[in-house]
Amino acid sequence: MRIVAGDRKSIPLKSASGKTTRPTTDKVKESLFNIIGPYFSGGVALDLFAGSGGLGLEALSRGAKRAVFIEKDPKSLEALRSNIAKCRYEDEAEVYRNDATRAIAMLIQRPQPFTFVFVDPPYAQVAYYDLVQQLVDAGKVTDNGVIVCEHDKAFTLPEAYGDFVCQRQEKYGDSIISIYEKGE
């Protein structure tokens, strides 16, 4: 696992060991960012269920101004913090050790909306996708924002979260990437 492109291209990323983690592969990450980018000029990323931080760090490497990482697992947090330091993004990254539900409640209170929202919960915990609706309802995704949800192919996400409509789905093995953008 590594940073695929941008300022920190080819930096290897540490992953937490164990059966509960499922890092997004380099192939999927590259395809995803080619669809939504491939490069950015600013914006703020939210990496919910960050794990080792691969998606948020990739967004920073490709030009996002800041990234907020939410993760509660101690082993994943250790890998995440190590990866942020290795990529030298300490000033651009905020890390919260928190449950996603509590984190969303906290983030909704902040004035800063997000341009890129990455949601990749453990596949067994599908109820967490409801948190996307909370972010949208609170106006925490910019009008030009993109919401990316990675989920098991057996699970169907809503066609839309408020004004954010599923514009594209890509299948990678047992995973599907659903990409939401503001509808016309």
N, C-alpha and C. Protein backbone atom coordinates (compact mmCIF):
# COMPACT_ATOMS: atom_id res chain seq x y z
N MET A 1 0.84 -1.17 0.00
CA MET A 1 0.00 0.00 0.00
C MET A 1 0.89 1.24 0.00
N ARG A 2 0.50 2.23 -0.84
CA ARG A 2 1.34 3.42 -1.00
C ARG A 2 0.50 4.60 -1.45
N ILE A 3 1.12 5.78 -1.45
CA ILE A 3 0.51 6.95 -2.08
C ILE A 3 0.70 6.76 -3.58
N VAL A 4 -0.38 6.85 -4.34
CA VAL A 4 -0.34 6.52 -5.76
C VAL A 4 0.16 7.68 -6.62
N ALA A 5 -0.24 8.91 -6.29
CA ALA A 5 0.13 10.05 -7.14
C ALA A 5 0.20 11.33 -6.32
N GLY A 6 0.74 12.37 -6.93
CA GLY A 6 0.79 13.68 -6.29
C GLY A 6 2.12 13.97 -5.63
N ASP A 7 2.12 14.94 -4.71
CA ASP A 7 3.33 15.41 -4.04
C ASP A 7 4.08 14.32 -3.28
N ARG A 8 3.36 13.34 -2.76
CA ARG A 8 3.99 12.29 -1.94
C ARG A 8 3.95 10.93 -2.64
N LYS A 9 3.89 10.95 -3.96
CA LYS A 9 3.81 9.73 -4.76
C LYS A 9 4.86 8.71 -4.33
N SER A 10 4.44 7.46 -4.25
CA SER A 10 5.27 6.27 -3.98
C SER A 10 5.68 6.09 -2.52
N ILE A 11 5.26 6.97 -1.63
CA ILE A 11 5.58 6.75 -0.21
C ILE A 11 4.78 5.55 0.27
N PRO A 12 5.46 4.53 0.81
CA PRO A 12 4.74 3.35 1.30
C PRO A 12 3.97 3.68 2.58
N LEU A 13 2.79 3.09 2.72
CA LEU A 13 1.95 3.32 3.89
C LEU A 13 1.87 2.06 4.73
N LYS A 14 1.92 2.25 6.03
CA LYS A 14 1.79 1.16 6.99
C LYS A 14 0.31 0.84 7.15
N SER A 15 0.00 -0.43 7.32
CA SER A 15 -1.37 -0.86 7.54
C SER A 15 -1.46 -1.59 8.87
N ALA A 16 -2.57 -1.40 9.57
CA ALA A 16 -2.77 -2.13 10.82
C ALA A 16 -3.01 -3.59 10.48
N SER A 17 -2.40 -4.46 11.25
CA SER A 17 -2.59 -5.89 10.99
C SER A 17 -3.87 -6.37 11.65
N GLY A 18 -4.43 -7.41 11.09
CA GLY A 18 -5.62 -8.00 11.68
C GLY A 18 -6.70 -8.25 10.65
N LYS A 19 -7.69 -9.01 11.06
CA LYS A 19 -8.77 -9.39 10.15
C LYS A 19 -9.86 -8.33 10.05
N THR A 20 -9.83 -7.34 10.95
CA THR A 20 -10.88 -6.33 10.94
C THR A 20 -10.58 -5.18 9.98
N THR A 21 -9.35 -5.09 9.49
CA THR A 21 -9.00 -4.00 8.58
C THR A 21 -9.04 -4.49 7.14
N ARG A 22 -9.42 -3.57 6.26
CA ARG A 22 -9.54 -3.88 4.84
C ARG A 22 -9.13 -2.63 4.07
N PRO A 23 -7.82 -2.36 4.00
CA PRO A 23 -7.38 -1.14 3.32
C PRO A 23 -7.77 -1.14 1.84
N THR A 24 -8.10 0.03 1.34
CA THR A 24 -8.39 0.18 -0.08
C THR A 24 -7.12 -0.09 -0.87
N THR A 25 -7.19 -0.99 -1.83
CA THR A 25 -5.99 -1.36 -2.59
C THR A 25 -5.53 -0.19 -3.46
N ASP A 26 -4.26 -0.23 -3.84
CA ASP A 26 -3.70 0.81 -4.70
C ASP A 26 -4.45 0.91 -6.02
N LYS A 27 -4.84 -0.23 -6.57
CA LYS A 27 -5.56 -0.25 -7.85
C LYS A 27 -6.89 0.48 -7.73
N VAL A 28 -7.63 0.17 -6.67
CA VAL A 28 -8.93 0.80 -6.45
C VAL A 28 -8.75 2.29 -6.18
N LYS A 29 -7.75 2.62 -5.35
CA LYS A 29 -7.48 4.02 -5.02
C LYS A 29 -7.14 4.83 -6.28
N GLU A 30 -6.29 4.27 -7.12
CA GLU A 30 -5.90 4.96 -8.36
C GLU A 30 -7.11 5.18 -9.26
N SER A 31 -7.93 4.16 -9.43
CA SER A 31 -9.14 4.28 -10.25
C SER A 31 -10.09 5.33 -9.68
N LEU A 32 -10.30 5.26 -8.37
CA LEU A 32 -11.20 6.20 -7.71
C LEU A 32 -10.75 7.64 -7.92
N PHE A 33 -9.48 7.91 -7.67
CA PHE A 33 -9.00 9.29 -7.78
C PHE A 33 -8.93 9.75 -9.24
N ASN A 34 -8.77 8.85 -10.17
CA ASN A 34 -8.84 9.24 -11.58
C ASN A 34 -10.26 9.66 -11.95
N ILE A 35 -11.25 9.08 -11.28
CA ILE A 35 -12.64 9.43 -11.53
C ILE A 35 -12.97 10.79 -10.90
N ILE A 36 -12.60 11.00 -9.65
CA ILE A 36 -13.01 12.22 -8.94
C ILE A 36 -12.00 13.35 -9.06
N GLY A 37 -10.85 13.13 -9.62
CA GLY A 37 -9.79 14.14 -9.67
C GLY A 37 -9.32 14.37 -11.07
N PRO A 38 -8.14 13.97 -11.34
CA PRO A 38 -7.22 13.24 -10.47
C PRO A 38 -6.45 14.13 -9.50
N TYR A 39 -6.44 15.46 -9.75
CA TYR A 39 -5.74 16.37 -8.84
C TYR A 39 -6.70 17.45 -8.38
N PHE A 40 -6.43 18.01 -7.21
CA PHE A 40 -7.32 19.00 -6.61
C PHE A 40 -6.58 20.31 -6.38
N SER A 41 -7.34 21.39 -6.34
CA SER A 41 -6.74 22.67 -5.96
C SER A 41 -7.46 23.13 -4.70
N GLY A 42 -7.05 22.58 -3.58
CA GLY A 42 -7.65 22.93 -2.30
C GLY A 42 -8.74 21.97 -1.91
N GLY A 43 -9.55 22.41 -0.97
CA GLY A 43 -10.63 21.59 -0.45
C GLY A 43 -10.22 20.87 0.81
N VAL A 44 -11.23 20.40 1.54
CA VAL A 44 -11.01 19.69 2.80
C VAL A 44 -11.61 18.29 2.67
N ALA A 45 -10.83 17.29 3.05
CA ALA A 45 -11.28 15.89 2.97
C ALA A 45 -11.67 15.38 4.35
N LEU A 46 -12.69 14.55 4.39
CA LEU A 46 -13.07 13.81 5.60
C LEU A 46 -12.88 12.34 5.30
N ASP A 47 -12.02 11.69 6.06
CA ASP A 47 -11.77 10.25 5.91
C ASP A 47 -12.39 9.58 7.13
N LEU A 48 -13.65 9.17 6.97
CA LEU A 48 -14.42 8.54 8.05
C LEU A 48 -14.11 7.05 8.04
N PHE A 49 -13.88 6.47 9.20
CA PHE A 49 -13.39 5.09 9.30
C PHE A 49 -12.04 5.02 8.58
N ALA A 50 -11.13 5.90 8.97
CA ALA A 50 -9.89 6.16 8.22
C ALA A 50 -8.96 4.97 8.13
N GLY A 51 -8.96 4.09 9.12
CA GLY A 51 -8.00 2.99 9.08
C GLY A 51 -6.59 3.54 9.06
N SER A 52 -5.82 3.18 8.06
CA SER A 52 -4.44 3.67 7.95
C SER A 52 -4.36 5.03 7.26
N GLY A 53 -5.50 5.56 6.82
CA GLY A 53 -5.55 6.91 6.26
C GLY A 53 -5.27 7.01 4.78
N GLY A 54 -5.29 5.90 4.07
CA GLY A 54 -4.91 5.89 2.67
C GLY A 54 -5.69 6.86 1.79
N LEU A 55 -7.00 6.98 2.00
CA LEU A 55 -7.80 7.85 1.13
C LEU A 55 -7.56 9.33 1.43
N GLY A 56 -7.56 9.69 2.71
CA GLY A 56 -7.31 11.08 3.08
C GLY A 56 -5.91 11.53 2.71
N LEU A 57 -4.93 10.66 2.91
CA LEU A 57 -3.55 11.00 2.55
C LEU A 57 -3.39 11.14 1.04
N GLU A 58 -4.07 10.29 0.30
CA GLU A 58 -4.04 10.40 -1.17
C GLU A 58 -4.64 11.74 -1.61
N ALA A 59 -5.74 12.15 -0.96
CA ALA A 59 -6.36 13.44 -1.28
C ALA A 59 -5.39 14.59 -1.00
N LEU A 60 -4.69 14.53 0.13
CA LEU A 60 -3.69 15.57 0.44
C LEU A 60 -2.58 15.59 -0.60
N SER A 61 -2.09 14.42 -0.95
CA SER A 61 -1.01 14.33 -1.93
C SER A 61 -1.42 14.91 -3.28
N ARG A 62 -2.71 14.81 -3.58
CA ARG A 62 -3.21 15.29 -4.88
C ARG A 62 -3.72 16.73 -4.82
N GLY A 63 -3.54 17.41 -3.68
CA GLY A 63 -3.83 18.84 -3.65
C GLY A 63 -4.89 19.31 -2.68
N ALA A 64 -5.54 18.42 -1.92
CA ALA A 64 -6.47 18.89 -0.89
C ALA A 64 -5.68 19.69 0.14
N LYS A 65 -6.32 20.72 0.70
CA LYS A 65 -5.64 21.62 1.63
C LYS A 65 -5.52 21.01 3.03
N ARG A 66 -6.58 20.31 3.46
CA ARG A 66 -6.61 19.72 4.80
C ARG A 66 -7.35 18.38 4.74
N ALA A 67 -7.13 17.57 5.77
CA ALA A 67 -7.88 16.31 5.89
C ALA A 67 -8.17 16.05 7.36
N VAL A 68 -9.38 15.58 7.61
CA VAL A 68 -9.81 15.18 8.94
C VAL A 68 -9.98 13.67 8.91
N PHE A 69 -9.32 12.99 9.84
CA PHE A 69 -9.34 11.52 9.90
C PHE A 69 -10.08 11.09 11.17
N ILE A 70 -11.04 10.20 11.01
CA ILE A 70 -11.80 9.65 12.14
C ILE A 70 -11.52 8.15 12.20
N GLU A 71 -11.03 7.70 13.35
CA GLU A 71 -10.74 6.27 13.55
C GLU A 71 -10.78 5.98 15.03
N LYS A 72 -11.34 4.83 15.41
CA LYS A 72 -11.40 4.50 16.84
C LYS A 72 -10.50 3.33 17.22
N ASP A 73 -10.10 2.50 16.28
CA ASP A 73 -9.28 1.33 16.59
C ASP A 73 -7.85 1.74 16.92
N PRO A 74 -7.33 1.36 18.09
CA PRO A 74 -5.98 1.78 18.50
C PRO A 74 -4.87 1.36 17.53
N LYS A 75 -4.92 0.15 16.99
CA LYS A 75 -3.88 -0.30 16.05
C LYS A 75 -3.94 0.50 14.75
N SER A 76 -5.14 0.75 14.29
CA SER A 76 -5.29 1.55 13.07
C SER A 76 -4.82 2.98 13.30
N LEU A 77 -5.13 3.52 14.48
CA LEU A 77 -4.68 4.88 14.82
C LEU A 77 -3.17 4.99 14.82
N GLU A 78 -2.52 3.97 15.34
CA GLU A 78 -1.06 3.96 15.35
C GLU A 78 -0.51 4.00 13.93
N ALA A 79 -1.07 3.17 13.05
CA ALA A 79 -0.65 3.17 11.65
C ALA A 79 -0.97 4.50 10.98
N LEU A 80 -2.14 5.05 11.26
CA LEU A 80 -2.55 6.33 10.68
C LEU A 80 -1.58 7.45 11.06
N ARG A 81 -1.28 7.56 12.34
CA ARG A 81 -0.37 8.62 12.80
C ARG A 81 1.03 8.43 12.20
N SER A 82 1.47 7.20 12.11
CA SER A 82 2.77 6.91 11.50
C SER A 82 2.78 7.33 10.02
N ASN A 83 1.70 7.05 9.32
CA ASN A 83 1.61 7.40 7.90
C ASN A 83 1.56 8.91 7.68
N ILE A 84 0.86 9.61 8.55
CA ILE A 84 0.80 11.07 8.46
C ILE A 84 2.20 11.65 8.64
N ALA A 85 2.93 11.14 9.63
CA ALA A 85 4.30 11.62 9.88
C ALA A 85 5.22 11.27 8.71
N LYS A 86 5.10 10.05 8.20
CA LYS A 86 5.95 9.61 7.08
C LYS A 86 5.73 10.50 5.85
N CYS A 87 4.48 10.91 5.66
CA CYS A 87 4.15 11.76 4.51
C CYS A 87 4.37 13.25 4.81
N ARG A 88 4.74 13.57 6.03
CA ARG A 88 4.97 14.95 6.46
C ARG A 88 3.72 15.82 6.29
N TYR A 89 2.58 15.31 6.75
CA TYR A 89 1.32 16.05 6.68
C TYR A 89 0.79 16.40 8.07
N GLU A 90 1.65 16.50 9.06
CA GLU A 90 1.19 16.80 10.42
C GLU A 90 0.41 18.12 10.48
N ASP A 91 0.82 19.12 9.71
CA ASP A 91 0.15 20.43 9.74
C ASP A 91 -1.16 20.45 8.97
N GLU A 92 -1.35 19.51 8.07
CA GLU A 92 -2.56 19.48 7.24
C GLU A 92 -3.59 18.47 7.74
N ALA A 93 -3.22 17.65 8.72
CA ALA A 93 -4.09 16.55 9.16
C ALA A 93 -4.61 16.78 10.57
N GLU A 94 -5.87 16.46 10.78
CA GLU A 94 -6.48 16.40 12.11
C GLU A 94 -6.91 14.96 12.32
N VAL A 95 -6.54 14.37 13.44
CA VAL A 95 -6.89 12.99 13.74
C VAL A 95 -7.75 12.96 15.00
N TYR A 96 -8.88 12.27 14.92
CA TYR A 96 -9.76 12.12 16.07
C TYR A 96 -9.96 10.64 16.35
N ARG A 97 -9.64 10.26 17.58
CA ARG A 97 -9.93 8.89 18.02
C ARG A 97 -11.34 8.93 18.57
N ASN A 98 -12.25 8.47 17.75
CA ASN A 98 -13.64 8.60 18.13
C ASN A 98 -14.50 7.63 17.33
N ASP A 99 -15.63 7.30 17.89
CA ASP A 99 -16.66 6.56 17.20
C ASP A 99 -17.24 7.48 16.11
N ALA A 100 -17.58 6.93 14.97
CA ALA A 100 -18.05 7.73 13.85
C ALA A 100 -19.30 8.53 14.18
N THR A 101 -20.22 7.96 14.93
CA THR A 101 -21.46 8.66 15.28
C THR A 101 -21.15 9.90 16.11
N ARG A 102 -20.30 9.77 17.10
CA ARG A 102 -19.91 10.92 17.92
C ARG A 102 -19.12 11.93 17.10
N ALA A 103 -18.26 11.44 16.25
CA ALA A 103 -17.45 12.33 15.42
C ALA A 103 -18.33 13.18 14.51
N ILE A 104 -19.33 12.58 13.90
CA ILE A 104 -20.23 13.34 13.02
C ILE A 104 -20.96 14.41 13.82
N ALA A 105 -21.43 14.06 15.01
CA ALA A 105 -22.11 15.05 15.87
C ALA A 105 -21.18 16.23 16.16
N MET A 106 -19.90 15.96 16.39
CA MET A 106 -18.93 17.01 16.66
C MET A 106 -18.64 17.82 15.39
N LEU A 107 -18.46 17.14 14.26
CA LEU A 107 -18.12 17.83 13.01
C LEU A 107 -19.25 18.72 12.51
N ILE A 108 -20.48 18.33 12.79
CA ILE A 108 -21.63 19.13 12.37
C ILE A 108 -21.62 20.49 13.07
N GLN A 109 -21.05 20.56 14.26
CA GLN A 109 -20.98 21.81 15.02
C GLN A 109 -19.93 22.78 14.49
N ARG A 110 -19.01 22.28 13.69
CA ARG A 110 -17.92 23.11 13.17
C ARG A 110 -18.38 23.85 11.91
N PRO A 111 -17.79 25.03 11.66
CA PRO A 111 -18.22 25.79 10.48
C PRO A 111 -17.70 25.23 9.15
N GLN A 112 -16.63 24.47 9.17
CA GLN A 112 -15.97 24.01 7.94
C GLN A 112 -16.72 22.87 7.25
N PRO A 113 -17.20 23.08 6.00
CA PRO A 113 -17.77 21.97 5.24
C PRO A 113 -16.65 21.17 4.54
N PHE A 114 -17.00 20.02 4.04
CA PHE A 114 -16.03 19.14 3.39
C PHE A 114 -16.26 19.10 1.88
N THR A 115 -15.16 19.02 1.16
CA THR A 115 -15.21 18.92 -0.30
C THR A 115 -15.18 17.46 -0.74
N PHE A 116 -14.48 16.64 0.03
CA PHE A 116 -14.34 15.21 -0.27
C PHE A 116 -14.70 14.43 0.99
N VAL A 117 -15.66 13.52 0.89
CA VAL A 117 -16.06 12.70 2.02
C VAL A 117 -15.85 11.24 1.62
N PHE A 118 -14.99 10.56 2.36
CA PHE A 118 -14.70 9.14 2.10
C PHE A 118 -15.29 8.32 3.24
N VAL A 119 -16.19 7.39 2.90
CA VAL A 119 -16.87 6.58 3.90
C VAL A 119 -16.62 5.11 3.56
N ASP A 120 -15.89 4.44 4.44
CA ASP A 120 -15.51 3.05 4.20
C ASP A 120 -15.57 2.27 5.51
N PRO A 121 -16.80 2.08 6.06
CA PRO A 121 -16.90 1.38 7.34
C PRO A 121 -16.69 -0.12 7.17
N PRO A 122 -16.48 -0.81 8.29
CA PRO A 122 -16.47 -2.28 8.21
C PRO A 122 -17.76 -2.74 7.53
N TYR A 123 -17.66 -3.66 6.60
CA TYR A 123 -18.81 -4.04 5.80
C TYR A 123 -20.00 -4.53 6.62
N ALA A 124 -19.76 -5.10 7.78
CA ALA A 124 -20.86 -5.61 8.60
C ALA A 124 -21.66 -4.48 9.25
N GLN A 125 -21.12 -3.27 9.25
CA GLN A 125 -21.76 -2.16 9.96
C GLN A 125 -22.38 -1.18 8.97
N VAL A 126 -23.38 -1.64 8.23
CA VAL A 126 -23.97 -0.84 7.17
C VAL A 126 -24.76 0.36 7.69
N ALA A 127 -25.20 0.34 8.93
CA ALA A 127 -25.97 1.46 9.48
C ALA A 127 -25.17 2.76 9.46
N TYR A 128 -23.86 2.66 9.41
CA TYR A 128 -23.04 3.86 9.41
C TYR A 128 -23.22 4.72 8.17
N TYR A 129 -23.75 4.18 7.11
CA TYR A 129 -23.96 4.99 5.91
C TYR A 129 -25.02 6.07 6.16
N ASP A 130 -25.85 5.90 7.21
CA ASP A 130 -26.81 6.94 7.58
C ASP A 130 -26.10 8.22 8.02
N LEU A 131 -24.86 8.11 8.44
CA LEU A 131 -24.10 9.29 8.85
C LEU A 131 -23.88 10.24 7.67
N VAL A 132 -23.82 9.70 6.47
CA VAL A 132 -23.68 10.54 5.28
C VAL A 132 -24.88 11.47 5.18
N GLN A 133 -26.07 10.94 5.43
CA GLN A 133 -27.28 11.76 5.37
C GLN A 133 -27.22 12.88 6.39
N GLN A 134 -26.69 12.60 7.58
CA GLN A 134 -26.56 13.64 8.61
C GLN A 134 -25.63 14.76 8.14
N LEU A 135 -24.52 14.40 7.52
CA LEU A 135 -23.60 15.42 7.00
C LEU A 135 -24.27 16.28 5.93
N VAL A 136 -24.98 15.64 5.02
CA VAL A 136 -25.66 16.37 3.95
C VAL A 136 -26.75 17.27 4.52
N ASP A 137 -27.57 16.73 5.43
CA ASP A 137 -28.65 17.52 6.04
C ASP A 137 -28.13 18.74 6.78
N ALA A 138 -26.93 18.62 7.36
CA ALA A 138 -26.34 19.73 8.12
C ALA A 138 -25.57 20.70 7.22
N GLY A 139 -25.56 20.45 5.92
CA GLY A 139 -24.85 21.34 5.00
C GLY A 139 -23.34 21.25 5.11
N LYS A 140 -22.83 20.08 5.49
CA LYS A 140 -21.39 19.93 5.71
C LYS A 140 -20.64 19.35 4.51
N VAL A 141 -21.31 19.30 3.35
CA VAL A 141 -20.64 18.92 2.11
C VAL A 141 -20.82 20.08 1.14
N THR A 142 -19.72 20.59 0.59
CA THR A 142 -19.79 21.74 -0.31
C THR A 142 -20.61 21.40 -1.56
N ASP A 143 -21.13 22.43 -2.22
CA ASP A 143 -21.94 22.21 -3.42
C ASP A 143 -21.17 21.48 -4.51
N ASN A 144 -19.86 21.69 -4.58
CA ASN A 144 -19.04 20.99 -5.57
C ASN A 144 -18.37 19.76 -4.97
N GLY A 145 -18.87 19.32 -3.82
CA GLY A 145 -18.28 18.20 -3.11
C GLY A 145 -18.59 16.85 -3.72
N VAL A 146 -17.80 15.87 -3.29
CA VAL A 146 -17.94 14.49 -3.75
C VAL A 146 -17.99 13.60 -2.51
N ILE A 147 -18.95 12.68 -2.50
CA ILE A 147 -19.07 11.70 -1.43
C ILE A 147 -18.74 10.34 -2.04
N VAL A 148 -17.78 9.64 -1.44
CA VAL A 148 -17.35 8.34 -1.94
C VAL A 148 -17.63 7.30 -0.86
N CYS A 149 -18.43 6.30 -1.19
CA CYS A 149 -18.75 5.22 -0.26
C CYS A 149 -18.24 3.90 -0.82
N GLU A 150 -17.45 3.20 -0.03
CA GLU A 150 -17.00 1.87 -0.42
C GLU A 150 -17.83 0.87 0.39
N HIS A 151 -18.42 -0.11 -0.30
CA HIS A 151 -19.29 -1.05 0.39
C HIS A 151 -19.28 -2.40 -0.30
N ASP A 152 -19.80 -3.39 0.42
CA ASP A 152 -19.90 -4.74 -0.10
C ASP A 152 -20.90 -4.77 -1.25
N LYS A 153 -20.63 -5.59 -2.24
CA LYS A 153 -21.51 -5.66 -3.42
C LYS A 153 -22.91 -6.15 -3.06
N ALA A 154 -23.06 -6.82 -1.92
CA ALA A 154 -24.37 -7.32 -1.51
C ALA A 154 -25.24 -6.22 -0.89
N PHE A 155 -24.66 -5.07 -0.61
CA PHE A 155 -25.38 -3.98 0.05
C PHE A 155 -25.69 -2.87 -0.94
N THR A 156 -26.93 -2.41 -0.94
CA THR A 156 -27.35 -1.35 -1.84
C THR A 156 -27.49 -0.05 -1.06
N LEU A 157 -26.82 0.98 -1.52
CA LEU A 157 -26.93 2.31 -0.91
C LEU A 157 -28.09 3.06 -1.56
N PRO A 158 -28.56 4.13 -0.90
CA PRO A 158 -29.63 4.93 -1.50
C PRO A 158 -29.19 5.56 -2.83
N GLU A 159 -30.14 5.88 -3.68
CA GLU A 159 -29.86 6.57 -4.94
C GLU A 159 -29.33 7.97 -4.69
N ALA A 160 -29.75 8.56 -3.56
CA ALA A 160 -29.33 9.93 -3.26
C ALA A 160 -29.27 10.15 -1.75
N TYR A 161 -28.43 11.08 -1.37
CA TYR A 161 -28.39 11.63 -0.01
C TYR A 161 -28.72 13.11 -0.19
N GLY A 162 -29.98 13.48 0.05
CA GLY A 162 -30.39 14.85 -0.20
C GLY A 162 -30.20 15.17 -1.67
N ASP A 163 -29.50 16.27 -1.96
CA ASP A 163 -29.24 16.68 -3.34
C ASP A 163 -28.07 15.94 -3.97
N PHE A 164 -27.39 15.12 -3.20
CA PHE A 164 -26.23 14.38 -3.72
C PHE A 164 -26.71 13.04 -4.27
N VAL A 165 -26.57 12.90 -5.58
CA VAL A 165 -27.10 11.75 -6.31
C VAL A 165 -25.94 10.83 -6.70
N CYS A 166 -26.20 9.52 -6.65
CA CYS A 166 -25.18 8.56 -7.07
C CYS A 166 -24.97 8.72 -8.58
N GLN A 167 -23.80 9.22 -8.94
CA GLN A 167 -23.48 9.49 -10.34
C GLN A 167 -22.77 8.32 -11.01
N ARG A 168 -22.14 7.49 -10.18
CA ARG A 168 -21.34 6.40 -10.76
C ARG A 168 -21.09 5.33 -9.71
N GLN A 169 -21.05 4.08 -10.16
CA GLN A 169 -20.66 2.95 -9.31
C GLN A 169 -19.64 2.12 -10.08
N GLU A 170 -18.61 1.70 -9.37
CA GLU A 170 -17.58 0.85 -9.95
C GLU A 170 -17.41 -0.37 -9.07
N LYS A 171 -17.35 -1.54 -9.68
CA LYS A 171 -17.19 -2.79 -8.94
C LYS A 171 -15.74 -3.25 -8.99
N TYR A 172 -15.21 -3.61 -7.83
CA TYR A 172 -13.85 -4.15 -7.71
C TYR A 172 -13.93 -5.39 -6.83
N GLY A 173 -13.98 -6.56 -7.42
CA GLY A 173 -14.11 -7.80 -6.65
C GLY A 173 -15.41 -7.80 -5.87
N ASP A 174 -15.33 -7.94 -4.54
CA ASP A 174 -16.52 -7.95 -3.69
C ASP A 174 -16.93 -6.56 -3.24
N SER A 175 -16.19 -5.54 -3.68
CA SER A 175 -16.46 -4.17 -3.26
C SER A 175 -17.07 -3.34 -4.38
N ILE A 176 -17.87 -2.37 -3.97
CA ILE A 176 -18.40 -1.38 -4.91
C ILE A 176 -18.04 0.00 -4.37
N ILE A 177 -17.62 0.87 -5.26
CA ILE A 177 -17.39 2.27 -4.94
C ILE A 177 -18.56 3.04 -5.52
N SER A 178 -19.32 3.74 -4.67
CA SER A 178 -20.43 4.58 -5.11
C SER A 178 -20.01 6.03 -4.95
N ILE A 179 -20.17 6.82 -6.01
CA ILE A 179 -19.73 8.21 -6.01
C ILE A 179 -20.95 9.11 -6.16
N TYR A 180 -21.11 10.00 -5.18
CA TYR A 180 -22.24 10.92 -5.13
C TYR A 180 -21.77 12.35 -5.38
N GLU A 181 -22.51 13.05 -6.22
CA GLU A 181 -22.26 14.47 -6.46
C GLU A 181 -23.61 15.17 -6.52
N LYS A 182 -23.58 16.48 -6.36
CA LYS A 182 -24.81 17.26 -6.37
C LYS A 182 -25.49 17.12 -7.72
N GLY A 183 -26.79 16.83 -7.70
CA GLY A 183 -27.56 16.68 -8.93
C GLY A 183 -27.81 18.01 -9.60
N GLU A 184 -28.17 17.94 -10.85
CA GLU A 184 -28.43 19.16 -11.64
C GLU A 184 -29.75 19.77 -11.24
